[in-house]
Amino acid sequence: MSWTLVAAVLLATAGLLVLGLLAVRLWLAVRVLAREVDTASRALAEVAGELAEAGRAG
């Protein structure tokens, strides 16, 4: 087997491993961001409910 073919296969494998690692890191970052957005939207909904109650009472 030619050494160039072996080198090409090794480079392709390394590239796929790097892409996989980057995909996992991106997935983890998206999970963190989604959790933060969920927390912020729940807080905003709570404040909006409190404002609506205050508007009816006042």
C-alpha atoms as a PDB file:
ATOM      1  CA  MET A   1       0.000   0.000   0.000  1.00  0.00           C
ATOM      2  CA  SER A   2       1.273   3.427  -0.889  1.00  0.00           C
ATOM      3  CA  TRP A   3       2.315   5.727   1.939  1.00  0.00           C
ATOM      4  CA  THR A   4       0.352   8.580   0.361  1.00  0.00           C
ATOM      5  CA  LEU A   5      -2.851   6.556   0.627  1.00  0.00           C
ATOM      6  CA  VAL A   6      -2.122   5.783   4.277  1.00  0.00           C
ATOM      7  CA  ALA A   7      -1.396   9.452   4.944  1.00  0.00           C
ATOM      8  CA  ALA A   8      -4.615  10.511   3.240  1.00  0.00           C
ATOM      9  CA  VAL A   9      -6.665   8.047   5.299  1.00  0.00           C
ATOM     10  CA  LEU A  10      -5.003   9.186   8.514  1.00  0.00           C
ATOM     11  CA  LEU A  11      -5.595  12.845   7.687  1.00  0.00           C
ATOM     12  CA  ALA A  12      -9.230  12.173   6.841  1.00  0.00           C
ATOM     13  CA  THR A  13      -9.697  10.275  10.091  1.00  0.00           C
ATOM     14  CA  ALA A  14      -8.067  13.058  12.089  1.00  0.00           C
ATOM     15  CA  GLY A  15     -10.270  15.608  10.344  1.00  0.00           C
ATOM     16  CA  LEU A  16     -13.416  13.676  11.192  1.00  0.00           C
ATOM     17  CA  LEU A  17     -12.327  13.390  14.822  1.00  0.00           C
ATOM     18  CA  VAL A  18     -11.740  17.145  14.995  1.00  0.00           C
ATOM     19  CA  LEU A  19     -15.130  17.848  13.433  1.00  0.00           C
ATOM     20  CA  GLY A  20     -16.772  15.480  15.897  1.00  0.00           C
ATOM     21  CA  LEU A  21     -15.097  17.193  18.823  1.00  0.00           C
ATOM     22  CA  LEU A  22     -16.190  20.604  17.573  1.00  0.00           C
ATOM     23  CA  ALA A  23     -19.756  19.332  17.130  1.00  0.00           C
ATOM     24  CA  VAL A  24     -19.836  18.105  20.740  1.00  0.00           C
ATOM     25  CA  ARG A  25     -18.504  21.421  22.019  1.00  0.00           C
ATOM     26  CA  LEU A  26     -21.106  23.287  19.970  1.00  0.00           C
ATOM     27  CA  TRP A  27     -23.885  21.041  21.270  1.00  0.00           C
ATOM     28  CA  LEU A  28     -22.822  21.691  24.870  1.00  0.00           C
ATOM     29  CA  ALA A  29     -22.692  25.450  24.275  1.00  0.00           C
ATOM     30  CA  VAL A  30     -26.163  25.384  22.717  1.00  0.00           C
ATOM     31  CA  ARG A  31     -27.507  23.462  25.728  1.00  0.00           C
ATOM     32  CA  VAL A  32     -26.101  26.090  28.103  1.00  0.00           C
ATOM     33  CA  LEU A  33     -27.494  28.925  25.996  1.00  0.00           C
ATOM     34  CA  ALA A  34     -30.914  27.281  25.780  1.00  0.00           C
ATOM     35  CA  ARG A  35     -31.006  26.879  29.558  1.00  0.00           C
ATOM     36  CA  GLU A  36     -30.135  30.570  30.017  1.00  0.00           C
ATOM     37  CA  VAL A  37     -32.788  31.663  27.524  1.00  0.00           C
ATOM     38  CA  ASP A  38     -35.367  29.478  29.276  1.00  0.00           C
ATOM     39  CA  THR A  39     -34.504  31.004  32.644  1.00  0.00           C
ATOM     40  CA  ALA A  40     -34.711  34.541  31.274  1.00  0.00           C
ATOM     41  CA  SER A  41     -38.011  33.940  29.492  1.00  0.00           C
ATOM     42  CA  ARG A  42     -39.553  32.438  32.645  1.00  0.00           C
ATOM     43  CA  ALA A  43     -38.411  35.462  34.644  1.00  0.00           C
ATOM     44  CA  LEU A  44     -39.880  37.828  32.049  1.00  0.00           C
ATOM     45  CA  ALA A  45     -43.176  35.946  32.027  1.00  0.00           C
ATOM     46  CA  GLU A  46     -43.360  36.144  35.804  1.00  0.00           C
ATOM     47  CA  VAL A  47     -42.695  39.884  35.794  1.00  0.00           C
ATOM     48  CA  ALA A  48     -45.247  40.399  33.028  1.00  0.00           C
ATOM     49  CA  GLY A  49     -47.836  38.541  35.105  1.00  0.00           C
ATOM     50  CA  GLU A  50     -47.049  40.675  38.127  1.00  0.00           C
ATOM     51  CA  LEU A  51     -47.384  43.834  36.030  1.00  0.00           C
ATOM     52  CA  ALA A  52     -50.726  42.681  34.675  1.00  0.00           C
ATOM     53  CA  GLU A  53     -52.006  42.012  38.201  1.00  0.00           C
ATOM     54  CA  ALA A  54     -50.731  45.397  39.380  1.00  0.00           C
ATOM     55  CA  GLY A  55     -52.465  47.068  36.440  1.00  0.00           C
ATOM     56  CA  ARG A  56     -55.793  45.442  37.288  1.00  0.00           C
ATOM     57  CA  ALA A  57     -55.479  46.285  40.981  1.00  0.00           C
ATOM     58  CA  GLY A  58     -54.389  49.861  40.414  1.00  0.00           C
END
